[in-house]
Amino acid sequence: MLLHGILPLYKPKGFTSHDCVMKVRKLLKIKKIGHTGTLDPNVEGVLPICIGEATKIIPFLLSLQKVYIADVSLGKSTTTEDSDGEVVEEKPVIRPPSDNEVYHALEQFKGEIKQTPPIYSAVKVKGKRLYEYARQGIDIERPERHVTIYDIETLDLSKRRENTIFRIKVTCSKGTYIRTLCVDIGKKLGFPSHMSYLQRVESDTITLQETVTFEAIESKLNEGKIDELILPIERGVKHLPSFVVDAKVRTKILQGQKLPMSEKVPTTSPFKVMYNNKLLAIYEKHKNNEHEIKPVRVFNVQKNVGE
């Protein structure tokens, strides 16, 4: 069976994102597979896996916002900014911050903020990953990055009153380090801190409720119904504006031809080209010729999964 679409995988703890891709590749016996955003091994949650022709939409998904649930643990900071690292600093939390203090601290992180990536991260500096420098004990300047926190709120404040841990929900841009955010929130509250739990609950508009486990994948494979778990390619690009074409133009699209500009072309670029509710291609306005649009990706699928 030829599969083209998005597998909304629930990544379990203990697996790298690459591990997940390799396992899905082995289970489905398909080489053309890729994920849309790395999760650390100790993090669980939504990891969309693109299969077949759907791998062509990965660049258009990476910039979409993510949603996380995280626990901020006050009183200790660590080398890795999460529970796996060695303790760097400790401070007894004799009086936990009030609900109002937590609220005002979180409010200060809404919008565009600067972050310094954790030393134990995959960010490259001078050709090497930061974690490689960390393992060698080399202190190196880490570049700041700008990220956006679209929304941040507290959850389960009763838990915070018991053991100095409070849960937050964060909607953010790509490249945001939630570990670092938890550390910075602690600093605002006057305590060393670290991230003690993280779950991604939404990625690229795919939600936690849509995800499937490895067990479910294996079960559907045994039943010969794996296609029931695959979301159509169109699901992954619903955020792009649409350009609907007729049968005559459809042929030109599938041949990868440039097309003349028309009033029906979306004002923003890139955009998806649709025929009969199916994705044919992703096009953009020609940068050197305002009278043309050109293909960025053409999908060689006569029948997408999910019809």
Protein backbone atom coordinates (compact mmCIF):
# COMPACT_ATOMS: atom_id res chain seq x y z
CA MET A 1 0.00 0.00 0.00
CA LEU A 2 1.31 3.45 -0.95
CA LEU A 3 0.89 5.88 1.93
CA HIS A 4 1.03 9.64 1.61
CA GLY A 5 -0.01 11.75 4.56
CA ILE A 6 0.69 12.68 8.17
CA LEU A 7 0.91 10.21 11.03
CA PRO A 8 0.06 12.15 14.23
CA LEU A 9 2.36 10.22 16.54
CA TYR A 10 2.35 10.50 20.32
CA LYS A 11 6.06 10.37 21.11
CA PRO A 12 6.72 8.49 24.35
CA LYS A 13 9.48 9.37 26.80
CA GLY A 14 12.81 7.67 26.21
CA PHE A 15 12.71 7.99 22.41
CA THR A 16 14.53 10.59 20.36
CA SER A 17 12.60 12.08 17.45
CA HIS A 18 14.99 10.25 15.13
CA ASP A 19 14.22 6.99 16.95
CA CYS A 20 10.53 7.56 16.23
CA VAL A 21 11.16 8.16 12.54
CA MET A 22 13.26 5.01 12.28
CA LYS A 23 10.64 2.90 14.08
CA VAL A 24 7.80 4.19 11.89
CA ARG A 25 9.95 3.60 8.81
CA LYS A 26 10.54 0.01 9.89
CA LEU A 27 6.89 -0.63 10.79
CA LEU A 28 5.48 0.83 7.58
CA LYS A 29 8.36 -0.32 5.36
CA ILE A 30 8.55 3.15 3.80
CA LYS A 31 11.81 5.09 3.35
CA LYS A 32 10.37 8.53 2.64
CA ILE A 33 9.53 9.70 6.18
CA GLY A 34 10.40 12.75 8.29
CA HIS A 35 9.26 14.58 11.43
CA THR A 36 8.30 18.24 11.77
CA GLY A 37 10.09 19.34 14.93
CA THR A 38 12.51 17.71 17.35
CA LEU A 39 11.48 16.72 20.87
CA ASP A 40 14.08 15.83 23.52
CA PRO A 41 14.17 12.17 24.64
CA ASN A 42 12.61 12.94 28.06
CA VAL A 43 9.74 14.89 26.50
CA GLU A 44 6.49 13.31 25.38
CA GLY A 45 3.70 14.50 23.15
CA VAL A 46 2.70 15.46 19.62
CA LEU A 47 5.25 14.58 16.92
CA PRO A 48 3.75 14.74 13.40
CA ILE A 49 5.43 12.26 11.06
CA CYS A 50 5.18 13.06 7.35
CA ILE A 51 5.04 10.07 5.01
CA GLY A 52 5.65 9.80 1.26
CA GLU A 53 4.72 12.94 -0.67
CA ALA A 54 3.78 14.63 2.61
CA THR A 55 7.50 15.04 3.35
CA LYS A 56 7.41 17.89 0.84
CA ILE A 57 5.30 20.04 3.22
CA ILE A 58 7.72 19.80 6.17
CA PRO A 59 9.35 23.21 5.47
CA PHE A 60 5.89 24.81 5.59
CA LEU A 61 5.12 23.29 9.00
CA LEU A 62 8.29 24.10 10.93
CA SER A 63 7.39 27.76 11.41
CA LEU A 64 3.96 27.05 12.92
CA GLN A 65 3.34 27.63 16.61
CA LYS A 66 3.64 24.92 19.25
CA VAL A 67 1.76 24.42 22.52
CA TYR A 68 3.37 22.90 25.62
CA ILE A 69 2.43 21.90 29.15
CA ALA A 70 5.38 22.27 31.54
CA ASP A 71 6.13 22.14 35.26
CA VAL A 72 8.26 24.91 36.76
CA SER A 73 10.05 23.56 39.83
CA LEU A 74 11.33 26.23 42.23
CA GLY A 75 14.28 25.89 44.57
CA LYS A 76 16.91 24.22 42.37
CA SER A 77 18.65 25.04 39.10
CA THR A 78 20.51 22.40 37.07
CA THR A 79 23.16 22.19 34.38
CA THR A 80 20.63 21.03 31.79
CA GLU A 81 17.77 23.26 33.00
CA ASP A 82 15.63 20.14 33.52
CA SER A 83 15.47 17.28 36.04
CA ASP A 84 18.25 15.29 34.34
CA GLY A 85 21.09 17.68 35.13
CA GLU A 86 23.31 18.16 38.15
CA VAL A 87 22.16 20.71 40.71
CA VAL A 88 23.93 24.05 40.30
CA GLU A 89 22.15 26.20 42.89
CA GLU A 90 19.66 25.60 45.70
CA LYS A 91 17.47 27.95 47.71
CA PRO A 92 14.78 26.85 50.16
CA VAL A 93 11.30 27.98 49.12
CA ILE A 94 10.13 29.01 52.59
CA ARG A 95 7.35 31.16 51.19
CA PRO A 96 6.09 30.09 47.77
CA PRO A 97 5.11 32.99 45.52
CA SER A 98 1.45 33.93 45.59
CA ASP A 99 -0.95 33.35 42.70
CA ASN A 100 -0.74 37.05 41.92
CA GLU A 101 3.07 37.02 41.89
CA VAL A 102 3.09 34.04 39.50
CA TYR A 103 0.55 35.73 37.23
CA HIS A 104 2.56 38.96 37.01
CA ALA A 105 5.80 37.05 36.38
CA LEU A 106 4.25 35.15 33.48
CA GLU A 107 2.78 38.31 31.98
CA GLN A 108 6.30 39.67 31.50
CA PHE A 109 7.10 36.87 29.05
CA LYS A 110 4.26 37.48 26.59
CA GLY A 111 5.29 38.72 23.17
CA GLU A 112 8.76 38.65 21.61
CA ILE A 113 11.50 37.77 24.09
CA LYS A 114 15.22 37.01 24.01
CA GLN A 115 16.53 33.59 25.04
CA THR A 116 20.00 32.19 25.52
CA PRO A 117 19.91 28.52 24.44
CA PRO A 118 20.82 25.96 27.14
CA ILE A 119 24.43 24.80 27.09
CA TYR A 120 23.05 21.28 26.75
CA SER A 121 21.27 21.86 23.44
CA ALA A 122 21.77 21.06 19.76
CA VAL A 123 22.35 24.68 18.71
CA LYS A 124 25.50 24.96 16.60
CA VAL A 125 28.25 27.46 17.42
CA LYS A 126 31.39 27.48 15.25
CA GLY A 127 30.41 24.19 13.67
CA LYS A 128 29.84 22.25 16.91
CA ARG A 129 26.72 21.51 18.98
CA LEU A 130 26.56 23.32 22.32
CA TYR A 131 26.21 20.02 24.17
CA GLU A 132 29.55 18.93 22.69
CA TYR A 133 31.25 21.95 24.27
CA ALA A 134 29.44 21.21 27.55
CA ARG A 135 30.62 17.60 27.62
CA GLN A 136 34.21 18.76 27.08
CA GLY A 137 33.90 21.35 29.83
CA ILE A 138 34.45 24.22 27.39
CA ASP A 139 32.80 27.53 28.25
CA ILE A 140 31.62 29.25 25.06
CA GLU A 141 29.49 32.30 24.40
CA ARG A 142 25.97 31.31 23.41
CA PRO A 143 24.12 33.44 20.85
CA GLU A 144 20.84 35.05 21.90
CA ARG A 145 17.76 34.31 19.86
CA HIS A 146 14.41 36.04 19.51
CA VAL A 147 11.30 33.91 20.03
CA THR A 148 7.64 34.72 20.56
CA ILE A 149 5.38 33.68 23.44
CA TYR A 150 1.85 34.05 22.09
CA ASP A 151 0.20 33.00 25.34
CA ILE A 152 1.22 31.68 28.76
CA GLU A 153 -0.96 30.75 31.71
CA THR A 154 -0.82 28.75 34.94
CA LEU A 155 -2.56 25.42 35.46
CA ASP A 156 -3.15 23.41 38.63
CA LEU A 157 -2.09 26.03 41.18
CA SER A 158 -3.11 23.73 44.05
CA LYS A 159 -0.10 21.54 43.18
CA ARG A 160 2.19 24.55 43.52
CA ARG A 161 1.04 25.19 47.07
CA GLU A 162 2.01 21.64 48.05
CA ASN A 163 5.52 21.31 46.67
CA THR A 164 6.70 24.54 45.03
CA ILE A 165 5.87 23.23 41.55
CA PHE A 166 3.41 24.98 39.28
CA ARG A 167 2.21 23.98 35.85
CA ILE A 168 2.11 26.31 32.85
CA LYS A 169 0.64 26.15 29.37
CA VAL A 170 2.71 27.91 26.70
CA THR A 171 1.84 28.76 23.11
CA CYS A 172 5.03 29.79 21.34
CA SER A 173 6.98 30.11 18.14
CA LYS A 174 9.44 27.56 16.81
CA GLY A 175 12.85 27.58 18.46
CA THR A 176 11.52 28.37 21.94
CA TYR A 177 13.31 26.55 24.75
CA ILE A 178 10.72 25.80 27.42
CA ARG A 179 13.52 24.71 29.76
CA THR A 180 15.04 28.17 29.55
CA LEU A 181 11.64 29.79 29.93
CA CYS A 182 11.09 27.89 33.20
CA VAL A 183 14.49 29.02 34.49
CA ASP A 184 13.79 32.64 33.56
CA ILE A 185 10.36 32.53 35.22
CA GLY A 186 12.03 31.30 38.41
CA LYS A 187 14.46 34.20 38.28
CA LYS A 188 11.56 36.65 38.05
CA LEU A 189 10.12 35.05 41.18
CA GLY A 190 13.47 35.17 43.00
CA PHE A 191 14.32 31.47 42.96
CA PRO A 192 16.63 29.10 41.10
CA SER A 193 14.42 26.74 39.10
CA HIS A 194 14.24 24.11 36.43
CA MET A 195 11.72 22.37 34.19
CA SER A 196 10.58 19.12 35.82
CA TYR A 197 8.04 18.00 33.18
CA LEU A 198 7.25 18.79 29.55
CA GLN A 199 4.59 17.62 27.12
CA ARG A 200 3.87 19.01 23.67
CA VAL A 201 0.10 19.13 23.26
CA GLU A 202 -0.07 20.78 19.84
CA SER A 203 2.31 20.99 16.90
CA ASP A 204 1.64 22.37 13.42
CA THR A 205 -2.12 22.61 14.26
CA ILE A 206 -2.21 18.87 15.10
CA THR A 207 -3.53 18.35 18.62
CA LEU A 208 -3.00 15.83 21.39
CA GLN A 209 -6.47 14.38 20.79
CA GLU A 210 -5.50 13.41 17.25
CA THR A 211 -2.35 11.51 18.17
CA VAL A 212 -1.82 7.75 18.03
CA THR A 213 0.60 5.52 19.93
CA PHE A 214 3.03 2.93 18.58
CA GLU A 215 0.70 0.28 20.00
CA ALA A 216 -2.20 1.65 17.96
CA ILE A 217 -0.03 1.72 14.84
CA GLU A 218 0.99 -1.92 15.27
CA SER A 219 -2.64 -2.92 15.93
CA LYS A 220 -3.90 -1.21 12.76
CA LEU A 221 -1.07 -2.75 10.75
CA ASN A 222 -2.14 -6.20 11.90
CA GLU A 223 -5.70 -5.40 10.85
CA GLY A 224 -4.56 -4.05 7.48
CA LYS A 225 -6.14 -0.68 8.30
CA ILE A 226 -3.12 1.55 8.84
CA ASP A 227 -4.55 4.11 6.40
CA GLU A 228 -7.20 4.91 9.03
CA LEU A 229 -4.51 6.56 11.17
CA ILE A 230 -3.00 8.70 8.41
CA LEU A 231 -4.18 12.29 8.05
CA PRO A 232 -4.37 13.60 4.47
CA ILE A 233 -1.64 15.91 3.22
CA GLU A 234 -4.20 18.71 3.02
CA ARG A 235 -4.53 18.62 6.82
CA GLY A 236 -0.95 19.83 7.18
CA VAL A 237 -1.32 22.91 5.00
CA LYS A 238 -4.72 24.16 6.07
CA HIS A 239 -3.00 27.33 7.29
CA LEU A 240 -1.98 28.28 3.74
CA PRO A 241 -4.33 30.34 1.54
CA SER A 242 -5.95 28.46 -1.35
CA PHE A 243 -5.91 28.89 -5.12
CA VAL A 244 -8.58 26.67 -6.69
CA VAL A 245 -8.09 25.60 -10.32
CA ASP A 246 -10.11 23.76 -12.96
CA ALA A 247 -9.25 20.53 -14.79
CA LYS A 248 -7.41 22.31 -17.59
CA VAL A 249 -5.08 24.18 -15.23
CA ARG A 250 -4.70 21.05 -13.10
CA THR A 251 -2.75 19.36 -15.92
CA LYS A 252 -0.35 22.30 -16.13
CA ILE A 253 0.08 22.28 -12.35
CA LEU A 254 1.00 18.59 -12.26
CA GLN A 255 3.57 19.26 -14.99
CA GLY A 256 5.17 21.91 -12.80
CA GLN A 257 4.48 24.79 -15.18
CA LYS A 258 4.61 28.46 -14.30
CA LEU A 259 1.24 30.17 -14.60
CA PRO A 260 0.11 33.70 -15.41
CA MET A 261 -0.93 35.89 -12.48
CA SER A 262 -4.68 36.23 -12.01
CA GLU A 263 -7.10 37.99 -9.66
CA LYS A 264 -7.86 34.67 -7.97
CA VAL A 265 -4.28 34.23 -6.76
CA PRO A 266 -4.01 34.84 -2.97
CA THR A 267 -2.35 38.07 -1.92
CA THR A 268 0.03 36.23 0.44
CA SER A 269 2.67 33.75 -0.67
CA PRO A 270 3.25 30.78 -0.65
CA PHE A 271 -0.22 29.31 -1.20
CA LYS A 272 -1.71 25.91 -1.89
CA VAL A 273 -3.19 24.98 -5.27
CA MET A 274 -6.34 22.89 -4.95
CA TYR A 275 -8.46 20.86 -7.34
CA ASN A 276 -11.59 19.03 -6.20
CA ASN A 277 -10.56 19.60 -2.55
CA LYS A 278 -7.20 17.90 -3.16
CA LEU A 279 -3.74 19.42 -2.89
CA LEU A 280 -1.94 19.61 -6.22
CA ALA A 281 0.97 21.88 -5.38
CA ILE A 282 2.35 24.78 -3.41
CA TYR A 283 3.05 27.87 -5.50
CA GLU A 284 4.45 31.32 -4.86
CA LYS A 285 4.57 34.64 -6.65
CA HIS A 286 7.52 34.84 -9.00
CA LYS A 287 10.13 37.11 -7.42
CA ASN A 288 11.49 38.31 -10.77
CA ASN A 289 8.26 38.45 -12.75
CA GLU A 290 5.17 39.98 -11.14
CA HIS A 291 3.00 38.55 -13.91
CA GLU A 292 3.72 34.91 -13.05
CA ILE A 293 3.39 32.39 -10.26
CA LYS A 294 5.75 29.43 -9.99
CA PRO A 295 5.73 26.01 -8.28
CA VAL A 296 7.58 25.41 -5.02
CA ARG A 297 6.33 21.85 -4.51
CA VAL A 298 4.25 19.61 -6.78
CA PHE A 299 2.60 16.53 -5.30
CA ASN A 300 2.72 13.40 -7.40
CA VAL A 301 -0.31 11.84 -5.74
CA GLN A 302 -3.36 11.01 -7.78
CA LYS A 303 -5.22 9.91 -4.71
CA ASN A 304 -4.18 11.11 -1.25
CA VAL A 305 -4.83 9.06 1.84
CA GLY A 306 -8.05 10.11 3.50
CA GLU A 307 -10.34 10.29 0.45
